Structures are given as C-alpha cells and as structure tokens.
PDB file of N, CA and C in Angstrom:
ATOM      1  N   MET A   1       0.841  -1.186   0.000  1.00  0.00           N
ATOM      2  CA  MET A   1       0.000   0.000   0.000  1.00  0.00           C
ATOM      3  C   MET A   1       0.881   1.241   0.000  1.00  0.00           C
ATOM      4  N   LYS A   2       0.628   2.148  -0.898  1.00  0.00           N
ATOM      5  CA  LYS A   2       1.438   3.337  -1.019  1.00  0.00           C
ATOM      6  C   LYS A   2       1.090   4.344   0.066  1.00  0.00           C
ATOM      7  N   ASN A   3       2.130   4.952   0.624  1.00  0.00           N
ATOM      8  CA  ASN A   3       1.977   5.981   1.647  1.00  0.00           C
ATOM      9  C   ASN A   3       1.736   7.313   0.940  1.00  0.00           C
ATOM     10  N   ASN A   4       0.647   7.990   1.259  1.00  0.00           N
ATOM     11  CA  ASN A   4       0.311   9.252   0.592  1.00  0.00           C
ATOM     12  C   ASN A   4       0.813  10.482   1.326  1.00  0.00           C
ATOM     13  N   LEU A   5       1.633  10.302   2.351  1.00  0.00           N
ATOM     14  CA  LEU A   5       2.178  11.442   3.065  1.00  0.00           C
ATOM     15  C   LEU A   5       3.193  12.181   2.199  1.00  0.00           C
ATOM     16  N   THR A   6       3.299  13.473   2.421  1.00  0.00           N
ATOM     17  CA  THR A   6       4.345  14.265   1.776  1.00  0.00           C
ATOM     18  C   THR A   6       5.692  13.841   2.361  1.00  0.00           C
ATOM     19  N   PRO A   7       6.806  14.179   1.704  1.00  0.00           N
ATOM     20  CA  PRO A   7       8.111  13.880   2.304  1.00  0.00           C
ATOM     21  C   PRO A   7       8.235  14.446   3.732  1.00  0.00           C
ATOM     22  N   GLU A   8       7.765  15.660   3.933  1.00  0.00           N
ATOM     23  CA  GLU A   8       7.815  16.240   5.277  1.00  0.00           C
ATOM     24  C   GLU A   8       6.958  15.436   6.254  1.00  0.00           C
ATOM     25  N   GLY A   9       5.792  14.985   5.811  1.00  0.00           N
ATOM     26  CA  GLY A   9       4.915  14.175   6.657  1.00  0.00           C
ATOM     27  C   GLY A   9       5.539  12.846   7.031  1.00  0.00           C
ATOM     28  N   VAL A  10       6.236  12.224   6.091  1.00  0.00           N
ATOM     29  CA  VAL A  10       6.925  10.948   6.356  1.00  0.00           C
ATOM     30  C   VAL A  10       7.995  11.153   7.420  1.00  0.00           C
ATOM     31  N   VAL A  11       8.787  12.210   7.267  1.00  0.00           N
ATOM     32  CA  VAL A  11       9.866  12.473   8.219  1.00  0.00           C
ATOM     33  C   VAL A  11       9.288  12.837   9.591  1.00  0.00           C
ATOM     34  N   GLN A  12       8.180  13.573   9.616  1.00  0.00           N
ATOM     35  CA  GLN A  12       7.557  13.900  10.894  1.00  0.00           C
ATOM     36  C   GLN A  12       7.039  12.632  11.583  1.00  0.00           C
ATOM     37  N   LYS A  13       6.455  11.736  10.815  1.00  0.00           N
ATOM     38  CA  LYS A  13       5.976  10.464  11.369  1.00  0.00           C
ATOM     39  C   LYS A  13       7.154   9.662  11.927  1.00  0.00           C
ATOM     40  N   GLN A  14       8.268   9.677  11.215  1.00  0.00           N
ATOM     41  CA  GLN A  14       9.490   9.009  11.675  1.00  0.00           C
ATOM     42  C   GLN A  14       9.954   9.612  12.998  1.00  0.00           C
ATOM     43  N   LEU A  15       9.961  10.938  13.100  1.00  0.00           N
ATOM     44  CA  LEU A  15      10.391  11.620  14.332  1.00  0.00           C
ATOM     45  C   LEU A  15       9.445  11.306  15.496  1.00  0.00           C
ATOM     46  N   ASP A  16       8.155  11.352  15.240  1.00  0.00           N
ATOM     47  CA  ASP A  16       7.173  11.053  16.292  1.00  0.00           C
ATOM     48  C   ASP A  16       7.327   9.614  16.784  1.00  0.00           C
ATOM     49  N   SER A  17       7.540   8.682  15.862  1.00  0.00           N
ATOM     50  CA  SER A  17       7.717   7.278  16.226  1.00  0.00           C
ATOM     51  C   SER A  17       9.019   7.064  16.999  1.00  0.00           C
ATOM     52  N   TYR A  18      10.055   7.799  16.619  1.00  0.00           N
ATOM     53  CA  TYR A  18      11.341   7.742  17.326  1.00  0.00           C
ATOM     54  C   TYR A  18      11.150   8.184  18.770  1.00  0.00           C
ATOM     55  N   ASN A  19      10.471   9.311  18.951  1.00  0.00           N
ATOM     56  CA  ASN A  19      10.295   9.848  20.299  1.00  0.00           C
ATOM     57  C   ASN A  19       9.380   8.997  21.161  1.00  0.00           C
ATOM     58  N   SER A  20       8.473   8.245  20.546  1.00  0.00           N
ATOM     59  CA  SER A  20       7.620   7.346  21.328  1.00  0.00           C
ATOM     60  C   SER A  20       8.241   5.947  21.441  1.00  0.00           C
ATOM     61  N   LYS A  21       9.432   5.780  20.847  1.00  0.00           N
ATOM     62  CA  LYS A  21      10.169   4.510  20.851  1.00  0.00           C
ATOM     63  C   LYS A  21       9.330   3.368  20.290  1.00  0.00           C
ATOM     64  N   ASN A  22       8.540   3.696  19.266  1.00  0.00           N
ATOM     65  CA  ASN A  22       7.720   2.694  18.587  1.00  0.00           C
ATOM     66  C   ASN A  22       8.520   2.183  17.388  1.00  0.00           C
ATOM     67  N   LEU A  23       9.279   1.123  17.631  1.00  0.00           N
ATOM     68  CA  LEU A  23      10.211   0.616  16.624  1.00  0.00           C
ATOM     69  C   LEU A  23       9.519   0.228  15.322  1.00  0.00           C
ATOM     70  N   GLU A  24       8.365  -0.437  15.415  1.00  0.00           N
ATOM     71  CA  GLU A  24       7.677  -0.887  14.206  1.00  0.00           C
ATOM     72  C   GLU A  24       7.147   0.292  13.379  1.00  0.00           C
ATOM     73  N   ALA A  25       6.540   1.271  14.038  1.00  0.00           N
ATOM     74  CA  ALA A  25       6.039   2.454  13.319  1.00  0.00           C
ATOM     75  C   ALA A  25       7.194   3.246  12.732  1.00  0.00           C
ATOM     76  N   TRP A  26       8.296   3.350  13.478  1.00  0.00           N
ATOM     77  CA  TRP A  26       9.476   4.080  13.014  1.00  0.00           C
ATOM     78  C   TRP A  26      10.063   3.386  11.781  1.00  0.00           C
ATOM     79  N   LEU A  27      10.222   2.066  11.871  1.00  0.00           N
ATOM     80  CA  LEU A  27      10.801   1.313  10.764  1.00  0.00           C
ATOM     81  C   LEU A  27       9.904   1.353   9.522  1.00  0.00           C
ATOM     82  N   ALA A  28       8.604   1.449   9.726  1.00  0.00           N
ATOM     83  CA  ALA A  28       7.654   1.494   8.609  1.00  0.00           C
ATOM     84  C   ALA A  28       7.813   2.754   7.753  1.00  0.00           C
ATOM     85  N   THR A  29       8.495   3.778   8.266  1.00  0.00           N
ATOM     86  CA  THR A  29       8.719   4.988   7.474  1.00  0.00           C
ATOM     87  C   THR A  29       9.897   4.825   6.514  1.00  0.00           C
ATOM     88  N   TYR A  30      10.656   3.746   6.671  1.00  0.00           N
ATOM     89  CA  TYR A  30      11.822   3.466   5.840  1.00  0.00           C
ATOM     90  C   TYR A  30      11.484   2.451   4.752  1.00  0.00           C
ATOM     91  N   ALA A  31      12.049   2.631   3.571  1.00  0.00           N
ATOM     92  CA  ALA A  31      11.939   1.647   2.495  1.00  0.00           C
ATOM     93  C   ALA A  31      12.662   0.371   2.928  1.00  0.00           C
ATOM     94  N   GLU A  32      12.227  -0.770   2.387  1.00  0.00           N
ATOM     95  CA  GLU A  32      12.842  -2.065   2.733  1.00  0.00           C
ATOM     96  C   GLU A  32      14.351  -2.071   2.490  1.00  0.00           C
ATOM     97  N   ASP A  33      14.800  -1.372   1.434  1.00  0.00           N
ATOM     98  CA  ASP A  33      16.221  -1.351   1.086  1.00  0.00           C
ATOM     99  C   ASP A  33      16.887  -0.018   1.440  1.00  0.00           C
ATOM    100  N   ALA A  34      16.320   0.698   2.406  1.00  0.00           N
ATOM    101  CA  ALA A  34      16.855   2.007   2.811  1.00  0.00           C
ATOM    102  C   ALA A  34      18.271   1.876   3.355  1.00  0.00           C
ATOM    103  N   LYS A  35      18.972   2.996   3.345  1.00  0.00           N
ATOM    104  CA  LYS A  35      20.320   3.060   3.891  1.00  0.00           C
ATOM    105  C   LYS A  35      20.414   4.202   4.895  1.00  0.00           C
ATOM    106  N   GLN A  36      21.164   3.965   5.972  1.00  0.00           N
ATOM    107  CA  GLN A  36      21.528   5.020   6.909  1.00  0.00           C
ATOM    108  C   GLN A  36      23.026   5.241   6.767  1.00  0.00           C
ATOM    109  N   LEU A  37      23.400   6.503   6.665  1.00  0.00           N
ATOM    110  CA  LEU A  37      24.792   6.861   6.415  1.00  0.00           C
ATOM    111  C   LEU A  37      25.269   7.901   7.416  1.00  0.00           C
ATOM    112  N   GLU A  38      26.562   7.856   7.704  1.00  0.00           N
ATOM    113  CA  GLU A  38      27.202   8.983   8.370  1.00  0.00           C
ATOM    114  C   GLU A  38      27.698   9.855   7.233  1.00  0.00           C
ATOM    115  N   HIS A  39      27.198  11.082   7.162  1.00  0.00           N
ATOM    116  CA  HIS A  39      27.517  11.974   6.044  1.00  0.00           C
ATOM    117  C   HIS A  39      29.026  12.138   5.929  1.00  0.00           C
ATOM    118  N   PRO A  40      29.607  12.058   4.733  1.00  0.00           N
ATOM    119  CA  PRO A  40      28.939  12.091   3.450  1.00  0.00           C
ATOM    120  C   PRO A  40      28.607  10.721   2.858  1.00  0.00           C
ATOM    121  N   GLY A  41      29.202   9.632   3.327  1.00  0.00           N
ATOM    122  CA  GLY A  41      28.895   8.383   2.650  1.00  0.00           C
ATOM    123  C   GLY A  41      29.253   7.118   3.405  1.00  0.00           C
ATOM    124  N   LYS A  42      29.593   7.216   4.678  1.00  0.00           N
ATOM    125  CA  LYS A  42      29.954   6.015   5.447  1.00  0.00           C
ATOM    126  C   LYS A  42      28.684   5.251   5.814  1.00  0.00           C
ATOM    127  N   LEU A  43      28.570   4.015   5.317  1.00  0.00           N
ATOM    128  CA  LEU A  43      27.386   3.204   5.551  1.00  0.00           C
ATOM    129  C   LEU A  43      27.303   2.778   7.013  1.00  0.00           C
ATOM    130  N   LEU A  44      26.160   3.060   7.653  1.00  0.00           N
ATOM    131  CA  LEU A  44      25.886   2.639   9.029  1.00  0.00           C
ATOM    132  C   LEU A  44      24.997   1.407   9.060  1.00  0.00           C
ATOM    133  N   ALA A  45      23.996   1.371   8.178  1.00  0.00           N
ATOM    134  CA  ALA A  45      23.060   0.249   8.119  1.00  0.00           C
ATOM    135  C   ALA A  45      22.377   0.255   6.758  1.00  0.00           C
ATOM    136  N   SER A  46      22.055  -0.948   6.267  1.00  0.00           N
ATOM    137  CA  SER A  46      21.400  -1.092   4.974  1.00  0.00           C
ATOM    138  C   SER A  46      20.288  -2.122   5.093  1.00  0.00           C
ATOM    139  N   GLY A  47      19.070  -1.741   4.724  1.00  0.00           N
ATOM    140  CA  GLY A  47      17.929  -2.641   4.781  1.00  0.00           C
ATOM    141  C   GLY A  47      17.289  -2.682   6.156  1.00  0.00           C
ATOM    142  N   HIS A  48      16.044  -3.126   6.194  1.00  0.00           N
ATOM    143  CA  HIS A  48      15.263  -3.131   7.434  1.00  0.00           C
ATOM    144  C   HIS A  48      15.939  -3.902   8.567  1.00  0.00           C
ATOM    145  N   ALA A  49      16.525  -5.068   8.282  1.00  0.00           N
ATOM    146  CA  ALA A  49      17.114  -5.887   9.353  1.00  0.00           C
ATOM    147  C   ALA A  49      18.246  -5.136  10.062  1.00  0.00           C
ATOM    148  N   GLU A  50      19.158  -4.549   9.308  1.00  0.00           N
ATOM    149  CA  GLU A  50      20.278  -3.819   9.905  1.00  0.00           C
ATOM    150  C   GLU A  50      19.789  -2.545  10.596  1.00  0.00           C
ATOM    151  N   ILE A  51      18.860  -1.843   9.974  1.00  0.00           N
ATOM    152  CA  ILE A  51      18.343  -0.605  10.565  1.00  0.00           C
ATOM    153  C   ILE A  51      17.605  -0.926  11.868  1.00  0.00           C
ATOM    154  N   ARG A  52      16.825  -2.005  11.877  1.00  0.00           N
ATOM    155  CA  ARG A  52      16.107  -2.421  13.088  1.00  0.00           C
ATOM    156  C   ARG A  52      17.092  -2.711  14.224  1.00  0.00           C
ATOM    157  N   THR A  53      18.129  -3.489  13.930  1.00  0.00           N
ATOM    158  CA  THR A  53      19.120  -3.853  14.945  1.00  0.00           C
ATOM    159  C   THR A  53      19.769  -2.612  15.538  1.00  0.00           C
ATOM    160  N   ARG A  54      20.131  -1.672  14.678  1.00  0.00           N
ATOM    161  CA  ARG A  54      20.776  -0.433  15.132  1.00  0.00           C
ATOM    162  C   ARG A  54      19.834   0.386  16.010  1.00  0.00           C
ATOM    163  N   ALA A  55      18.576   0.482  15.612  1.00  0.00           N
ATOM    164  CA  ALA A  55      17.603   1.291  16.356  1.00  0.00           C
ATOM    165  C   ALA A  55      17.166   0.621  17.645  1.00  0.00           C
ATOM    166  N   ALA A  56      17.049  -0.699  17.654  1.00  0.00           N
ATOM    167  CA  ALA A  56      16.559  -1.409  18.841  1.00  0.00           C
ATOM    168  C   ALA A  56      17.432  -1.107  20.058  1.00  0.00           C
ATOM    169  N   VAL A  57      18.729  -1.046  19.864  1.00  0.00           N
ATOM    170  CA  VAL A  57      19.649  -0.717  20.959  1.00  0.00           C
ATOM    171  C   VAL A  57      19.397   0.714  21.430  1.00  0.00           C
ATOM    172  N   ARG A  58      19.281   1.623  20.489  1.00  0.00           N
ATOM    173  CA  ARG A  58      19.064   3.036  20.818  1.00  0.00           C
ATOM    174  C   ARG A  58      17.750   3.239  21.559  1.00  0.00           C
ATOM    175  N   PHE A  59      16.709   2.534  21.142  1.00  0.00           N
ATOM    176  CA  PHE A  59      15.387   2.710  21.743  1.00  0.00           C
ATOM    177  C   PHE A  59      15.329   2.201  23.181  1.00  0.00           C
ATOM    178  N   GLN A  60      16.359   1.490  23.650  1.00  0.00           N
ATOM    179  CA  GLN A  60      16.425   1.036  25.043  1.00  0.00           C
ATOM    180  C   GLN A  60      16.893   2.154  25.985  1.00  0.00           C
ATOM    181  N   GLU A  61      17.443   3.224  25.424  1.00  0.00           N
ATOM    182  CA  GLU A  61      17.920   4.324  26.266  1.00  0.00           C
ATOM    183  C   GLU A  61      16.728   5.005  26.937  1.00  0.00           C
ATOM    184  N   PRO A  62      16.757   5.138  28.273  1.00  0.00           N
ATOM    185  CA  PRO A  62      15.582   5.648  28.996  1.00  0.00           C
ATOM    186  C   PRO A  62      15.228   7.106  28.689  1.00  0.00           C
ATOM    187  N   ASN A  63      16.215   7.906  28.336  1.00  0.00           N
ATOM    188  CA  ASN A  63      15.967   9.340  28.137  1.00  0.00           C
ATOM    189  C   ASN A  63      15.974   9.763  26.670  1.00  0.00           C
ATOM    190  N   LEU A  64      15.930   8.813  25.756  1.00  0.00           N
ATOM    191  CA  LEU A  64      16.021   9.112  24.325  1.00  0.00           C
ATOM    192  C   LEU A  64      14.900  10.055  23.884  1.00  0.00           C
ATOM    193  N   HIS A  65      15.297  11.166  23.271  1.00  0.00           N
ATOM    194  CA  HIS A  65      14.311  12.115  22.749  1.00  0.00           C
ATOM    195  C   HIS A  65      15.000  13.057  21.771  1.00  0.00           C
ATOM    196  N   ALA A  66      14.394  13.241  20.607  1.00  0.00           N
ATOM    197  CA  ALA A  66      14.909  14.169  19.603  1.00  0.00           C
ATOM    198  C   ALA A  66      14.030  15.409  19.570  1.00  0.00           C
ATOM    199  N   LYS A  67      14.653  16.565  19.733  1.00  0.00           N
ATOM    200  CA  LYS A  67      13.923  17.832  19.676  1.00  0.00           C
ATOM    201  C   LYS A  67      14.268  18.530  18.361  1.00  0.00           C
ATOM    202  N   LEU A  68      13.247  18.712  17.538  1.00  0.00           N
ATOM    203  CA  LEU A  68      13.436  19.380  16.255  1.00  0.00           C
ATOM    204  C   LEU A  68      13.676  20.867  16.480  1.00  0.00           C
ATOM    205  N   LYS A  69      14.803  21.364  15.969  1.00  0.00           N
ATOM    206  CA  LYS A  69      15.143  22.782  16.105  1.00  0.00           C
ATOM    207  C   LYS A  69      14.807  23.558  14.828  1.00  0.00           C
ATOM    208  N   GLN A  70      14.984  22.878  13.672  1.00  0.00           N
ATOM    209  CA  GLN A  70      14.733  23.531  12.388  1.00  0.00           C
ATOM    210  C   GLN A  70      14.530  22.457  11.327  1.00  0.00           C
ATOM    211  N   ARG A  71      13.658  22.725  10.375  1.00  0.00           N
ATOM    212  CA  ARG A  71      13.423  21.796   9.269  1.00  0.00           C
ATOM    213  C   ARG A  71      13.384  22.579   7.971  1.00  0.00           C
ATOM    214  N   SER A  72      14.048  22.051   6.953  1.00  0.00           N
ATOM    215  CA  SER A  72      14.007  22.607   5.605  1.00  0.00           C
ATOM    216  C   SER A  72      13.547  21.504   4.668  1.00  0.00           C
ATOM    217  N   VAL A  73      12.683  21.874   3.724  1.00  0.00           N
ATOM    218  CA  VAL A  73      12.162  20.905   2.768  1.00  0.00           C
ATOM    219  C   VAL A  73      12.362  21.453   1.359  1.00  0.00           C
ATOM    220  N   MET A  74      12.938  20.626   0.495  1.00  0.00           N
ATOM    221  CA  MET A  74      13.075  20.982  -0.903  1.00  0.00           C
ATOM    222  C   MET A  74      12.738  19.742  -1.713  1.00  0.00           C
ATOM    223  N   GLY A  75      11.510  19.718  -2.237  1.00  0.00           N
ATOM    224  CA  GLY A  75      11.074  18.558  -3.009  1.00  0.00           C
ATOM    225  C   GLY A  75      11.052  17.312  -2.152  1.00  0.00           C
ATOM    226  N   HIS A  76      11.826  16.297  -2.549  1.00  0.00           N
ATOM    227  CA  HIS A  76      11.847  15.025  -1.831  1.00  0.00           C
ATOM    228  C   HIS A  76      12.941  14.945  -0.763  1.00  0.00           C
ATOM    229  N   ILE A  77      13.632  16.061  -0.523  1.00  0.00           N
ATOM    230  CA  ILE A  77      14.696  16.120   0.482  1.00  0.00           C
ATOM    231  C   ILE A  77      14.195  16.907   1.703  1.00  0.00           C
ATOM    232  N   VAL A  78      14.378  16.299   2.884  1.00  0.00           N
ATOM    233  CA  VAL A  78      14.012  16.949   4.143  1.00  0.00           C
ATOM    234  C   VAL A  78      15.262  16.980   5.011  1.00  0.00           C
ATOM    235  N   ILE A  79      15.608  18.178   5.507  1.00  0.00           N
ATOM    236  CA  ILE A  79      16.780  18.341   6.357  1.00  0.00           C
ATOM    237  C   ILE A  79      16.321  18.824   7.723  1.00  0.00           C
ATOM    238  N   ASP A  80      16.617  18.016   8.744  1.00  0.00           N
ATOM    239  CA  ASP A  80      16.264  18.362  10.125  1.00  0.00           C
ATOM    240  C   ASP A  80      17.525  18.684  10.908  1.00  0.00           C
ATOM    241  N   TYR A  81      17.431  19.713  11.738  1.00  0.00           N
ATOM    242  CA  TYR A  81      18.468  20.022  12.723  1.00  0.00           C
ATOM    243  C   TYR A  81      17.836  19.723  14.069  1.00  0.00           C
ATOM    244  N   GLU A  82      18.446  18.823  14.817  1.00  0.00           N
ATOM    245  CA  GLU A  82      17.871  18.343  16.065  1.00  0.00           C
ATOM    246  C   GLU A  82      18.896  18.388  17.197  1.00  0.00           C
ATOM    247  N   THR A  83      18.363  18.425  18.399  1.00  0.00           N
ATOM    248  CA  THR A  83      19.148  18.147  19.591  1.00  0.00           C
ATOM    249  C   THR A  83      18.584  16.859  20.168  1.00  0.00           C
ATOM    250  N   VAL A  84      19.430  15.844  20.276  1.00  0.00           N
ATOM    251  CA  VAL A  84      18.977  14.531  20.719  1.00  0.00           C
ATOM    252  C   VAL A  84      19.520  14.247  22.116  1.00  0.00           C
ATOM    253  N   THR A  85      18.603  13.970  23.035  1.00  0.00           N
ATOM    254  CA  THR A  85      18.974  13.563  24.387  1.00  0.00           C
ATOM    255  C   THR A  85      19.208  12.065  24.357  1.00  0.00           C
ATOM    256  N   ARG A  86      20.353  11.645  24.908  1.00  0.00           N
ATOM    257  CA  ARG A  86      20.747  10.230  24.841  1.00  0.00           C
ATOM    258  C   ARG A  86      21.423   9.809  26.130  1.00  0.00           C
ATOM    259  N   THR A  87      21.608   8.514  26.252  1.00  0.00           N
ATOM    260  CA  THR A  87      22.451   7.959  27.299  1.00  0.00           C
ATOM    261  C   THR A  87      23.678   7.389  26.600  1.00  0.00           C
ATOM    262  N   PHE A  88      24.782   8.116  26.693  1.00  0.00           N
ATOM    263  CA  PHE A  88      26.038   7.695  26.074  1.00  0.00           C
ATOM    264  C   PHE A  88      26.773   6.749  27.024  1.00  0.00           C
ATOM    265  N   PRO A  89      27.769   6.020  26.548  1.00  0.00           N
ATOM    266  CA  PRO A  89      28.564   5.170  27.451  1.00  0.00           C
ATOM    267  C   PRO A  89      29.158   5.981  28.617  1.00  0.00           C
ATOM    268  N   GLU A  90      29.451   7.260  28.369  1.00  0.00           N
ATOM    269  CA  GLU A  90      30.029   8.128  29.403  1.00  0.00           C
ATOM    270  C   GLU A  90      28.973   8.717  30.334  1.00  0.00           C
ATOM    271  N   GLY A  91      27.706   8.550  29.975  1.00  0.00           N
ATOM    272  CA  GLY A  91      26.619   9.083  30.801  1.00  0.00           C
ATOM    273  C   GLY A  91      25.614   9.837  29.956  1.00  0.00           C
ATOM    274  N   PRO A  92      24.560  10.370  30.612  1.00  0.00           N
ATOM    275  CA  PRO A  92      23.519  11.087  29.884  1.00  0.00           C
ATOM    276  C   PRO A  92      24.008  12.429  29.338  1.00  0.00           C
ATOM    277  N   GLY A  93      23.403  12.818  28.215  1.00  0.00           N
ATOM    278  CA  GLY A  93      23.768  14.091  27.616  1.00  0.00           C
ATOM    279  C   GLY A  93      22.952  14.351  26.369  1.00  0.00           C
ATOM    280  N   ARG A  94      23.470  15.259  25.541  1.00  0.00           N
ATOM    281  CA  ARG A  94      22.799  15.651  24.312  1.00  0.00           C
ATOM    282  C   ARG A  94      23.820  15.749  23.185  1.00  0.00           C
ATOM    283  N   ILE A  95      23.307  15.578  21.974  1.00  0.00           N
ATOM    284  CA  ILE A  95      24.150  15.744  20.792  1.00  0.00           C
ATOM    285  C   ILE A  95      23.357  16.512  19.742  1.00  0.00           C
ATOM    286  N   GLU A  96      24.039  17.411  19.059  1.00  0.00           N
ATOM    287  CA  GLU A  96      23.435  18.111  17.934  1.00  0.00           C
ATOM    288  C   GLU A  96      23.566  17.209  16.715  1.00  0.00           C
ATOM    289  N   LEU A  97      22.521  17.199  15.901  1.00  0.00           N
ATOM    290  CA  LEU A  97      22.486  16.291  14.767  1.00  0.00           C
ATOM    291  C   LEU A  97      21.789  16.961  13.594  1.00  0.00           C
ATOM    292  N   VAL A  98      22.365  16.821  12.420  1.00  0.00           N
ATOM    293  CA  VAL A  98      21.701  17.207  11.182  1.00  0.00           C
ATOM    294  C   VAL A  98      21.370  15.911  10.456  1.00  0.00           C
ATOM    295  N   CYS A  99      20.110  15.757  10.089  1.00  0.00           N
ATOM    296  CA  CYS A  99      19.623  14.563   9.405  1.00  0.00           C
ATOM    297  C   CYS A  99      19.133  14.973   8.023  1.00  0.00           C
ATOM    298  N   ILE A 100      19.643  14.326   7.002  1.00  0.00           N
ATOM    299  CA  ILE A 100      19.251  14.611   5.623  1.00  0.00           C
ATOM    300  C   ILE A 100      18.518  13.381   5.100  1.00  0.00           C
ATOM    301  N   TYR A 101      17.225  13.532   4.856  1.00  0.00           N
ATOM    302  CA  TYR A 101      16.388  12.419   4.420  1.00  0.00           C
ATOM    303  C   TYR A 101      16.028  12.577   2.951  1.00  0.00           C
ATOM    304  N   GLU A 102      16.155  11.490   2.193  1.00  0.00           N
ATOM    305  CA  GLU A 102      15.645  11.435   0.834  1.00  0.00           C
ATOM    306  C   GLU A 102      14.407  10.546   0.875  1.00  0.00           C
ATOM    307  N   VAL A 103      13.259  11.126   0.529  1.00  0.00           N
ATOM    308  CA  VAL A 103      11.989  10.407   0.596  1.00  0.00           C
ATOM    309  C   VAL A 103      11.454  10.217  -0.820  1.00  0.00           C
ATOM    310  N   ARG A 104      11.167   8.963  -1.158  1.00  0.00           N
ATOM    311  CA  ARG A 104      10.603   8.632  -2.469  1.00  0.00           C
ATOM    312  C   ARG A 104       9.453   7.665  -2.260  1.00  0.00           C
ATOM    313  N   GLU A 105       8.364   7.878  -2.970  1.00  0.00           N
ATOM    314  CA  GLU A 105       7.194   6.996  -2.916  1.00  0.00           C
ATOM    315  C   GLU A 105       6.729   6.737  -1.482  1.00  0.00           C
ATOM    316  N   GLY A 106       6.780   7.794  -0.665  1.00  0.00           N
ATOM    317  CA  GLY A 106       6.246   7.720   0.688  1.00  0.00           C
ATOM    318  C   GLY A 106       7.113   7.013   1.707  1.00  0.00           C
ATOM    319  N   LYS A 107       8.376   6.752   1.372  1.00  0.00           N
ATOM    320  CA  LYS A 107       9.289   6.067   2.288  1.00  0.00           C
ATOM    321  C   LYS A 107      10.655   6.746   2.273  1.00  0.00           C
ATOM    322  N   ILE A 108      11.339   6.689   3.419  1.00  0.00           N
ATOM    323  CA  ILE A 108      12.703   7.199   3.492  1.00  0.00           C
ATOM    324  C   ILE A 108      13.618   6.206   2.773  1.00  0.00           C
ATOM    325  N   GLN A 109      14.321   6.698   1.750  1.00  0.00           N
ATOM    326  CA  GLN A 109      15.260   5.861   0.985  1.00  0.00           C
ATOM    327  C   GLN A 109      16.657   5.917   1.599  1.00  0.00           C
ATOM    328  N   THR A 110      17.088   7.133   1.939  1.00  0.00           N
ATOM    329  CA  THR A 110      18.375   7.309   2.600  1.00  0.00           C
ATOM    330  C   THR A 110      18.219   8.326   3.721  1.00  0.00           C
ATOM    331  N   ALA A 111      18.975   8.082   4.782  1.00  0.00           N
ATOM    332  CA  ALA A 111      19.067   9.015   5.900  1.00  0.00           C
ATOM    333  C   ALA A 111      20.552   9.202   6.180  1.00  0.00           C
ATOM    334  N   SER A 112      21.028  10.436   6.010  1.00  0.00           N
ATOM    335  CA  SER A 112      22.433  10.752   6.259  1.00  0.00           C
ATOM    336  C   SER A 112      22.514  11.633   7.489  1.00  0.00           C
ATOM    337  N   PHE A 113      23.448  11.310   8.380  1.00  0.00           N
ATOM    338  CA  PHE A 113      23.547  12.011   9.657  1.00  0.00           C
ATOM    339  C   PHE A 113      24.888  12.718   9.785  1.00  0.00           C
ATOM    340  N   ILE A 114      24.842  13.942  10.275  1.00  0.00           N
ATOM    341  CA  ILE A 114      26.039  14.706  10.603  1.00  0.00           C
ATOM    342  C   ILE A 114      25.995  14.959  12.100  1.00  0.00           C
ATOM    343  N   ASN A 115      26.960  14.380  12.814  1.00  0.00           N
ATOM    344  CA  ASN A 115      27.029  14.568  14.258  1.00  0.00           C
ATOM    345  C   ASN A 115      27.698  15.891  14.576  1.00  0.00           C
ATOM    346  N   GLY A 116      27.061  16.654  15.458  1.00  0.00           N
ATOM    347  CA  GLY A 116      27.622  17.916  15.905  1.00  0.00           C
ATOM    348  C   GLY A 116      28.189  17.786  17.303  1.00  0.00           C
ATOM    349  N   ALA A 117      28.119  18.877  18.035  1.00  0.00           N
ATOM    350  CA  ALA A 117      28.676  18.920  19.384  1.00  0.00           C
ATOM    351  C   ALA A 117      27.922  17.983  20.316  1.00  0.00           C
ATOM    352  N   LYS A 118      28.676  17.352  21.216  1.00  0.00           N
ATOM    353  CA  LYS A 118      28.119  16.434  22.211  1.00  0.00           C
ATOM    354  C   LYS A 118      28.364  17.048  23.584  1.00  0.00           C
ATOM    355  N   TYR A 119      27.321  17.059  24.398  1.00  0.00           N
ATOM    356  CA  TYR A 119      27.400  17.635  25.730  1.00  0.00           C
ATOM    357  C   TYR A 119      26.953  16.608  26.745  1.00  0.00           C
ATOM    358  N   LEU A 120      27.787  16.353  27.742  1.00  0.00           N
ATOM    359  CA  LEU A 120      27.385  15.455  28.826  1.00  0.00           C
ATOM    360  C   LEU A 120      26.749  16.279  29.933  1.00  0.00           C
ATOM    361  N   ASP A 121      25.722  15.703  30.577  1.00  0.00           N
ATOM    362  CA  ASP A 121      25.090  16.378  31.692  1.00  0.00           C
ATOM    363  C   ASP A 121      26.062  16.450  32.862  1.00  0.00           C
ATOM    364  N   ALA A 122      25.970  17.533  33.626  1.00  0.00           N
ATOM    365  CA  ALA A 122      26.848  17.692  34.795  1.00  0.00           C
ATOM    366  C   ALA A 122      26.507  16.625  35.834  1.00  0.00           C
ATOM    367  N   SER A 123      27.519  16.091  36.470  1.00  0.00           N
ATOM    368  CA  SER A 123      27.302  15.102  37.539  1.00  0.00           C
ATOM    369  C   SER A 123      26.695  15.778  38.747  1.00  0.00           C
ATOM    370  N   THR A 124      25.778  15.050  39.396  1.00  0.00           N
ATOM    371  CA  THR A 124      25.156  15.615  40.591  1.00  0.00           C
ATOM    372  C   THR A 124      25.615  14.878  41.820  1.00  0.00           C
TER     373      THR A 124
END
C-alpha cells in the first residue's frame, strides 16, 4: 500500500515514532532497502534488518528524545536540525544532529547524519 504522506509528513511520522520509541512504526517509514549513512557516505546500516538492529539498541535508552530545532524541505529532500537527548557510554547528555532524508514513494530511501557537538550532563 502506497503511503500518501508528503516527504515532510513521512519524516515527521518518523520523528514522532522515534520519540515514542515505537520501533515498528518508526521502521515502517523506511523503504525495505533504505540506507543510513554517516555523512557524506559512510554506511551505518542497509535494509530493514540492519536498521532495526541499530535502532533497537538506541530505543532502550531511557531518556532518548529528539527535539526538532529547524526543518528545511526541498522537493523530496528533508533536512532536520535536532538536539537529541541520549544515554552515552560516558553518561547522559545531548548531541546536535543534522539529518538529511531522501523520501521517495512515501518512504525514506536514505538518511544521512552529521554529528555535531556532544554535551554530557553535569554530575550531581
């Protein structure tokens, strides 16, 4: 069944599913043969099985949350600037992230990530 959402709608659904840690709904926004990359071209995961495995670990983090700071849309390309709260091996904190999504036929085909500054929360 074809997804009739706009590219921006697909990416928003992906973000909402990420924040609710709904792995199945999140994965459903990706094409079966989608790729996740570290920009500009380092392959992180390819296809639903690899993407699921990568996300399942992340979704176990208790404080995981992506806050959208800015979104730009040009045709089938959606670029999000986010601050993501995470639990890193060193402890809880945040990382700035730019996500570049290519959406075709209602599914994310590629997602490229640019990691920005990482901030650890102060110890209490």
